[in-house]
């Protein structure tokens, strides 16, 4: 074996808790404003319908069919002009979400151990001097046998 290999990975994650809390508060305020707007629209629509029905009752008492039809049409026009519409919430925009936290960045740790060992390091006394190197099919068999011997020693 010619060298040692050491690798690593470092990652960091950040969350902006202040921005998240501000967004939650803005969302709570938005929902509260939406409920108030909906209630006001409901009350305004109820009042508009009541005025419409009152105008229709008055129009029904008119004996002249043309005048009665004109009074009913005027009541309908007044109702449509008094009903609250989508523009009632134009000043209450949905709050924007905070900017997403950037993805964690990884930094590779240098292989410092491999730099300490030369590419052609000696066998460190594991084999007698002049022993031929193990290669090919014998290498796999020797590694397997060494694993078996180590397992047997542990047992």
C-alpha atoms as a PDB file:
ATOM      1  CA  UNK A   1       0.000   0.000   0.000  1.00  0.00           C
ATOM      2  CA  UNK A   2       1.424   3.290  -0.980  1.00  0.00           C
ATOM      3  CA  UNK A   3      -0.360   5.781   1.210  1.00  0.00           C
ATOM      4  CA  UNK A   4      -3.170   6.537   3.604  1.00  0.00           C
ATOM      5  CA  UNK A   5      -6.335   8.247   2.496  1.00  0.00           C
ATOM      6  CA  UNK A   6      -8.263  10.517   4.812  1.00  0.00           C
ATOM      7  CA  UNK A   7     -11.305  12.385   3.574  1.00  0.00           C
ATOM      8  CA  UNK A   8     -13.934  14.453   5.298  1.00  0.00           C
ATOM      9  CA  UNK A   9     -16.778  16.820   4.728  1.00  0.00           C
ATOM     10  CA  UNK A  10     -17.939  19.814   6.706  1.00  0.00           C
ATOM     11  CA  UNK A  11     -21.457  21.334   6.472  1.00  0.00           C
ATOM     12  CA  UNK A  12     -23.207  24.191   8.201  1.00  0.00           C
ATOM     13  CA  UNK A  13     -26.893  25.140   8.280  1.00  0.00           C
ATOM     14  CA  UNK A  14     -28.260  28.522   9.286  1.00  0.00           C
ATOM     15  CA  UNK A  15     -31.786  29.625  10.142  1.00  0.00           C
ATOM     16  CA  UNK A  16     -32.725  33.263  10.568  1.00  0.00           C
ATOM     17  CA  UNK A  17     -35.036  33.037  13.574  1.00  0.00           C
ATOM     18  CA  UNK A  18     -35.679  36.791  13.647  1.00  0.00           C
ATOM     19  CA  UNK A  19     -36.913  36.840  10.041  1.00  0.00           C
ATOM     20  CA  UNK A  20     -39.072  33.791  10.723  1.00  0.00           C
ATOM     21  CA  UNK A  21     -40.632  35.430  13.806  1.00  0.00           C
ATOM     22  CA  UNK A  22     -41.284  38.637  11.851  1.00  0.00           C
ATOM     23  CA  UNK A  23     -42.927  36.648   9.069  1.00  0.00           C
ATOM     24  CA  UNK A  24     -45.113  34.758  11.558  1.00  0.00           C
ATOM     25  CA  UNK A  25     -46.232  38.069  13.109  1.00  0.00           C
ATOM     26  CA  UNK A  26     -46.958  39.568   9.663  1.00  0.00           C
ATOM     27  CA  UNK A  27     -48.948  36.457   8.742  1.00  0.00           C
ATOM     28  CA  UNK A  28     -50.927  36.648  12.016  1.00  0.00           C
ATOM     29  CA  UNK A  29     -51.688  40.346  11.369  1.00  0.00           C
ATOM     30  CA  UNK A  30     -52.682  39.573   7.774  1.00  0.00           C
ATOM     31  CA  UNK A  31     -55.130  36.868   8.872  1.00  0.00           C
ATOM     32  CA  UNK A  32     -56.615  39.176  11.512  1.00  0.00           C
ATOM     33  CA  UNK A  33     -57.061  41.931   8.893  1.00  0.00           C
ATOM     34  CA  UNK A  34     -58.685  39.448   6.511  1.00  0.00           C
ATOM     35  CA  UNK A  35     -61.230  38.492   9.191  1.00  0.00           C
ATOM     36  CA  UNK A  36     -62.019  42.166   9.886  1.00  0.00           C
ATOM     37  CA  UNK A  37     -62.390  42.916   6.175  1.00  0.00           C
ATOM     38  CA  UNK A  38     -64.675  39.917   5.709  1.00  0.00           C
ATOM     39  CA  UNK A  39     -66.852  41.002   8.652  1.00  0.00           C
ATOM     40  CA  UNK A  40     -67.084  44.575   7.322  1.00  0.00           C
ATOM     41  CA  UNK A  41     -67.991  43.283   3.872  1.00  0.00           C
ATOM     42  CA  UNK A  42     -70.656  41.074   5.388  1.00  0.00           C
ATOM     43  CA  UNK A  43     -72.174  43.994   7.327  1.00  0.00           C
ATOM     44  CA  UNK A  44     -72.065  46.310   4.306  1.00  0.00           C
ATOM     45  CA  UNK A  45     -73.662  43.669   2.093  1.00  0.00           C
ATOM     46  CA  UNK A  46     -76.354  42.990   4.694  1.00  0.00           C
ATOM     47  CA  UNK A  47     -77.150  46.724   4.906  1.00  0.00           C
ATOM     48  CA  UNK A  48     -77.238  46.983   1.088  1.00  0.00           C
ATOM     49  CA  UNK A  49     -79.672  44.036   0.850  1.00  0.00           C
ATOM     50  CA  UNK A  50     -81.907  45.552   3.546  1.00  0.00           C
ATOM     51  CA  UNK A  51     -82.041  48.843   1.640  1.00  0.00           C
ATOM     52  CA  UNK A  52     -82.789  46.945  -1.544  1.00  0.00           C
ATOM     53  CA  UNK A  53     -85.658  44.997   0.034  1.00  0.00           C
ATOM     54  CA  UNK A  54     -87.066  48.201   1.548  1.00  0.00           C
ATOM     55  CA  UNK A  55     -86.912  49.912  -1.858  1.00  0.00           C
ATOM     56  CA  UNK A  56     -88.646  46.915  -3.487  1.00  0.00           C
ATOM     57  CA  UNK A  57     -91.437  47.017  -0.873  1.00  0.00           C
ATOM     58  CA  UNK A  58     -91.950  50.713  -1.589  1.00  0.00           C
ATOM     59  CA  UNK A  59     -91.836  50.080  -5.352  1.00  0.00           C
ATOM     60  CA  UNK A  60     -94.475  47.305  -5.096  1.00  0.00           C
ATOM     61  CA  UNK A  61     -96.936  49.825  -3.583  1.00  0.00           C
ATOM     62  CA  UNK A  62     -96.770  51.989  -6.689  1.00  0.00           C
ATOM     63  CA  UNK A  63     -99.884  51.325  -8.816  1.00  0.00           C
ATOM     64  CA  UNK A  64     -98.237  52.513 -12.038  1.00  0.00           C
ATOM     65  CA  UNK A  65     -96.443  49.494 -13.606  1.00  0.00           C
ATOM     66  CA  UNK A  66     -93.888  51.652 -15.437  1.00  0.00           C
ATOM     67  CA  UNK A  67     -92.991  53.654 -12.337  1.00  0.00           C
ATOM     68  CA  UNK A  68     -92.897  50.421 -10.288  1.00  0.00           C
ATOM     69  CA  UNK A  69     -90.506  48.798 -12.781  1.00  0.00           C
ATOM     70  CA  UNK A  70     -88.323  51.921 -12.777  1.00  0.00           C
ATOM     71  CA  UNK A  71     -88.209  51.974  -8.957  1.00  0.00           C
ATOM     72  CA  UNK A  72     -87.253  48.273  -8.877  1.00  0.00           C
ATOM     73  CA  UNK A  73     -84.493  48.884 -11.444  1.00  0.00           C
ATOM     74  CA  UNK A  74     -83.205  51.834  -9.416  1.00  0.00           C
ATOM     75  CA  UNK A  75     -83.198  49.647  -6.278  1.00  0.00           C
ATOM     76  CA  UNK A  76     -81.167  46.978  -8.115  1.00  0.00           C
ATOM     77  CA  UNK A  77     -78.656  49.575  -9.380  1.00  0.00           C
ATOM     78  CA  UNK A  78     -78.300  50.981  -5.884  1.00  0.00           C
ATOM     79  CA  UNK A  79     -77.735  47.466  -4.507  1.00  0.00           C
ATOM     80  CA  UNK A  80     -74.967  46.731  -7.020  1.00  0.00           C
ATOM     81  CA  UNK A  81     -73.227  50.021  -6.276  1.00  0.00           C
ATOM     82  CA  UNK A  82     -73.366  49.424  -2.509  1.00  0.00           C
ATOM     83  CA  UNK A  83     -72.174  45.811  -2.439  1.00  0.00           C
ATOM     84  CA  UNK A  84     -68.570  45.571  -1.355  1.00  0.00           C
ATOM     85  CA  UNK A  85     -66.304  43.998  -3.929  1.00  0.00           C
ATOM     86  CA  UNK A  86     -62.819  42.593  -4.268  1.00  0.00           C
ATOM     87  CA  UNK A  87     -61.255  46.044  -3.956  1.00  0.00           C
ATOM     88  CA  UNK A  88     -62.081  46.072  -0.238  1.00  0.00           C
ATOM     89  CA  UNK A  89     -58.879  44.128   0.553  1.00  0.00           C
ATOM     90  CA  UNK A  90     -56.598  45.939  -1.893  1.00  0.00           C
ATOM     91  CA  UNK A  91     -54.653  47.570   0.950  1.00  0.00           C
ATOM     92  CA  UNK A  92     -54.002  44.277   2.720  1.00  0.00           C
ATOM     93  CA  UNK A  93     -51.402  42.399   0.637  1.00  0.00           C
ATOM     94  CA  UNK A  94     -50.287  38.925   1.605  1.00  0.00           C
ATOM     95  CA  UNK A  95     -46.956  39.151   3.437  1.00  0.00           C
ATOM     96  CA  UNK A  96     -43.935  37.885   1.585  1.00  0.00           C
ATOM     97  CA  UNK A  97     -42.035  34.967   3.019  1.00  0.00           C
ATOM     98  CA  UNK A  98     -38.514  35.545   4.300  1.00  0.00           C
ATOM     99  CA  UNK A  99     -35.690  34.849   1.891  1.00  0.00           C
ATOM    100  CA  UNK A 100     -34.709  31.202   1.887  1.00  0.00           C
ATOM    101  CA  UNK A 101     -31.641  30.291   3.840  1.00  0.00           C
ATOM    102  CA  UNK A 102     -28.797  29.485   1.471  1.00  0.00           C
ATOM    103  CA  UNK A 103     -27.959  25.831   1.060  1.00  0.00           C
ATOM    104  CA  UNK A 104     -25.150  24.548   3.243  1.00  0.00           C
ATOM    105  CA  UNK A 105     -21.752  24.738   1.688  1.00  0.00           C
ATOM    106  CA  UNK A 106     -19.358  21.865   1.953  1.00  0.00           C
ATOM    107  CA  UNK A 107     -15.634  22.140   2.265  1.00  0.00           C
ATOM    108  CA  UNK A 108     -13.397  19.251   1.549  1.00  0.00           C
ATOM    109  CA  UNK A 109     -10.778  18.479   4.161  1.00  0.00           C
ATOM    110  CA  UNK A 110      -7.364  17.955   2.668  1.00  0.00           C
ATOM    111  CA  UNK A 111      -5.809  14.508   2.759  1.00  0.00           C
ATOM    112  CA  UNK A 112      -3.129  15.409   5.309  1.00  0.00           C
ATOM    113  CA  UNK A 113      -2.252  11.842   6.240  1.00  0.00           C
ATOM    114  CA  UNK A 114      -1.473  10.907   2.656  1.00  0.00           C
ATOM    115  CA  UNK A 115       0.902  13.853   2.380  1.00  0.00           C
ATOM    116  CA  UNK A 116       2.944  12.475   5.283  1.00  0.00           C
ATOM    117  CA  UNK A 117       3.509   9.109   3.627  1.00  0.00           C
ATOM    118  CA  UNK A 118       5.553   8.965   0.457  1.00  0.00           C
ATOM    119  CA  UNK A 119       4.141   7.358  -2.644  1.00  0.00           C
ATOM    120  CA  UNK A 120       6.658   4.511  -2.538  1.00  0.00           C
ATOM    121  CA  UNK A 121       6.823   3.908   1.185  1.00  0.00           C
ATOM    122  CA  UNK A 122       8.594   0.861   2.467  1.00  0.00           C
ATOM    123  CA  UNK A 123       6.626  -2.090   3.815  1.00  0.00           C
ATOM    124  CA  UNK A 124       7.519  -1.002   7.385  1.00  0.00           C
ATOM    125  CA  UNK A 125       9.049  -4.326   8.349  1.00  0.00           C
ATOM    126  CA  UNK A 126       5.986  -6.397   7.617  1.00  0.00           C
ATOM    127  CA  UNK A 127       7.892  -8.474   5.094  1.00  0.00           C
ATOM    128  CA  UNK A 128      11.476  -9.622   5.078  1.00  0.00           C
ATOM    129  CA  UNK A 129      13.836  -7.698   2.886  1.00  0.00           C
ATOM    130  CA  UNK A 130      13.823  -9.012  -0.656  1.00  0.00           C
ATOM    131  CA  UNK A 131      10.358 -10.585  -0.406  1.00  0.00           C
ATOM    132  CA  UNK A 132       8.644 -10.341  -3.781  1.00  0.00           C
ATOM    133  CA  UNK A 133       5.536  -8.148  -3.911  1.00  0.00           C
ATOM    134  CA  UNK A 134       2.156  -9.848  -3.869  1.00  0.00           C
ATOM    135  CA  UNK A 135       0.077  -9.221  -6.961  1.00  0.00           C
ATOM    136  CA  UNK A 136      -2.853 -10.613  -8.905  1.00  0.00           C
ATOM    137  CA  UNK A 137      -4.910 -13.547  -7.657  1.00  0.00           C
ATOM    138  CA  UNK A 138      -2.655 -14.278  -4.667  1.00  0.00           C
ATOM    139  CA  UNK A 139      -3.250 -10.814  -3.230  1.00  0.00           C
ATOM    140  CA  UNK A 140      -7.010 -11.346  -2.905  1.00  0.00           C
ATOM    141  CA  UNK A 141      -6.487 -14.783  -1.355  1.00  0.00           C
ATOM    142  CA  UNK A 142      -3.962 -13.448   1.175  1.00  0.00           C
ATOM    143  CA  UNK A 143      -6.248 -10.581   2.170  1.00  0.00           C
ATOM    144  CA  UNK A 144      -9.142 -12.991   2.650  1.00  0.00           C
ATOM    145  CA  UNK A 145      -6.974 -15.336   4.738  1.00  0.00           C
ATOM    146  CA  UNK A 146      -5.744 -12.434   6.852  1.00  0.00           C
ATOM    147  CA  UNK A 147      -9.346 -11.458   7.551  1.00  0.00           C
ATOM    148  CA  UNK A 148     -10.191 -15.042   8.498  1.00  0.00           C
ATOM    149  CA  UNK A 149      -7.157 -15.258  10.833  1.00  0.00           C
ATOM    150  CA  UNK A 150      -8.143 -11.948  12.487  1.00  0.00           C
ATOM    151  CA  UNK A 151     -11.731 -13.147  12.956  1.00  0.00           C
ATOM    152  CA  UNK A 152     -10.542 -16.453  14.419  1.00  0.00           C
ATOM    153  CA  UNK A 153      -8.224 -14.606  16.815  1.00  0.00           C
ATOM    154  CA  UNK A 154     -11.125 -12.474  18.065  1.00  0.00           C
ATOM    155  CA  UNK A 155     -13.318 -15.505  18.627  1.00  0.00           C
END
